Protein backbone atom coordinates (compact mmCIF):
# COMPACT_ATOMS: atom_id res chain seq x y z
CA MET A 1 146.14 83.86 119.88
CA LYS A 2 144.15 81.05 119.00
CA LEU A 3 140.79 83.05 119.59
CA ILE A 4 142.11 86.30 118.04
CA PHE A 5 142.53 84.67 114.54
CA PRO A 6 139.11 83.14 114.17
CA MET A 7 137.63 86.23 115.47
CA SER A 8 139.44 88.24 113.08
CA VAL A 9 138.43 85.98 110.05
CA LEU A 10 134.86 86.37 111.19
CA ALA A 11 135.24 90.19 111.25
CA VAL A 12 136.78 90.22 107.65
CA SER A 13 134.05 87.99 106.35
CA SER A 14 131.44 90.01 107.65
CA LEU A 15 132.74 93.05 106.27
CA LEU A 16 133.10 91.44 102.81
CA LEU A 17 129.56 90.21 102.90
CA ALA A 18 128.27 93.76 103.88
CA CYS A 19 130.27 95.39 100.99
CA GLY A 20 129.06 92.75 98.50
CA SER A 21 125.51 93.35 98.87
CA ALA A 22 123.60 95.50 96.61
CA PRO A 23 122.66 99.02 97.62
CA ALA A 24 119.20 99.75 98.50
CA PRO A 25 117.27 100.78 95.44
CA THR A 26 115.84 103.90 96.85
CA ALA A 27 115.52 105.58 93.58
CA LYS A 28 113.39 102.85 92.00
CA VAL A 29 111.19 103.01 95.23
CA ALA A 30 110.65 106.47 94.54
CA SER A 31 109.92 106.14 90.96
CA SER A 32 107.54 103.30 91.37
CA GLU A 33 105.64 104.97 94.20
CA ALA A 34 105.39 107.98 91.68
CA ALA A 35 104.05 105.59 89.14
CA VAL A 36 101.58 104.28 91.38
CA ARG A 37 100.48 107.74 92.52
CA ALA A 38 100.13 108.66 88.82
CA ALA A 39 97.77 105.78 88.15
CA GLY A 40 95.50 106.49 91.20
CA GLU A 41 95.17 110.09 90.13
CA LEU A 42 94.11 109.05 86.46
CA ASN A 43 91.34 106.99 88.29
CA ALA A 44 92.79 103.66 87.26
CA ASN A 45 90.77 102.20 90.15
CA ASP A 46 87.63 102.82 88.05
CA ILE A 47 88.79 100.62 85.00
CA PRO A 48 88.76 97.19 85.84
CA THR A 49 92.06 95.95 83.87
CA ALA A 50 94.10 99.12 85.06
CA GLN A 51 92.74 98.54 88.59
CA LEU A 52 94.34 94.96 88.32
CA HIS A 53 97.72 96.21 87.46
CA LEU A 54 97.37 99.07 89.95
CA LYS A 55 96.54 96.40 92.66
CA LEU A 56 99.46 94.27 91.54
CA ALA A 57 102.00 97.11 91.43
CA GLN A 58 100.98 98.38 95.00
CA ASP A 59 101.33 94.69 96.19
CA GLN A 60 104.90 94.44 94.45
CA LEU A 61 105.89 97.93 95.93
CA ASP A 62 104.90 96.78 99.63
CA THR A 63 107.01 93.27 98.81
CA ALA A 64 109.92 95.14 97.79
CA LYS A 65 109.97 97.52 100.88
CA LYS A 66 109.66 94.41 103.03
CA LEU A 67 112.84 92.87 101.07
CA ILE A 68 114.87 95.93 101.51
CA GLU A 69 114.06 95.81 105.30
CA GLN A 70 115.40 92.25 105.17
CA GLY A 71 118.51 93.39 103.24
CA GLU A 72 117.45 91.69 100.19
CA ASN A 73 118.15 94.78 97.90
CA LYS A 74 118.67 92.68 94.70
CA ARG A 75 115.34 90.64 94.88
CA ALA A 76 113.68 94.21 95.91
CA ASP A 77 115.15 95.81 92.70
CA TYR A 78 113.61 92.91 90.56
CA VAL A 79 110.36 93.23 92.30
CA LEU A 80 110.38 97.24 91.89
CA THR A 81 111.14 96.71 88.17
CA ARG A 82 107.81 94.75 87.83
CA ALA A 83 105.82 97.20 90.14
CA GLN A 84 106.82 100.20 87.75
CA ALA A 85 105.97 98.18 84.68
CA ASP A 86 102.63 97.34 86.41
CA ALA A 87 101.92 100.95 87.51
CA GLU A 88 102.76 102.13 84.06
CA LEU A 89 100.57 99.84 82.27
CA ALA A 90 97.86 100.96 84.68
CA VAL A 91 98.36 104.44 83.59
CA ALA A 92 98.47 103.63 79.95
CA LEU A 93 95.19 101.75 80.37
CA ALA A 94 93.70 104.72 82.32
CA LYS A 95 94.80 107.18 79.48
CA GLU A 96 93.38 105.02 76.89
CA THR A 97 90.15 104.48 78.48
CA ALA A 98 89.91 108.39 78.88
CA ILE A 99 90.89 109.08 75.24
CA ALA A 100 88.37 106.42 74.16
CA LYS A 101 85.52 108.26 76.08
CA GLU A 102 86.56 111.49 74.72
CA ALA A 103 86.51 109.96 71.10
CA GLU A 104 83.18 108.71 71.51
CA THR A 105 81.80 111.88 72.81
CA ALA A 106 83.20 113.51 69.76
CA MET A 107 81.66 111.07 67.51
CA ALA A 108 78.20 111.55 69.21
CA LYS A 109 78.35 115.16 68.53
CA VAL A 110 79.29 114.62 64.72
CA ARG A 111 76.44 112.07 64.44
CA GLU A 112 74.22 114.79 65.96
CA LEU A 113 75.55 117.48 63.72
CA LYS A 114 74.87 115.31 60.62
CA ALA A 115 71.48 114.55 61.79
CA LYS A 116 70.39 118.32 61.68
């Protein structure tokens, strides 16, 4: 009887701890991966500031995956939030650069037409 009680307490406390942990943020992993992929497709690696944020996002995504493997789901959730924000910033910077190039091309055409 003396051995059964401590074992029961240990089993119950283990169950409580397992139920109390945060669920794995799988949806955030997917959305962060999608944001990183989008930045890559917009050639963020060709733009220094966007490249920095894309690298940060990828590193944070890798860190979050390791945290999930270790059961640190709450911390992984925070890291994934940062990863997604950095990836979205890389997307915005890549789009801004592309738009600026298009605007410069259009202005060059306008100047050329005015010169004629």
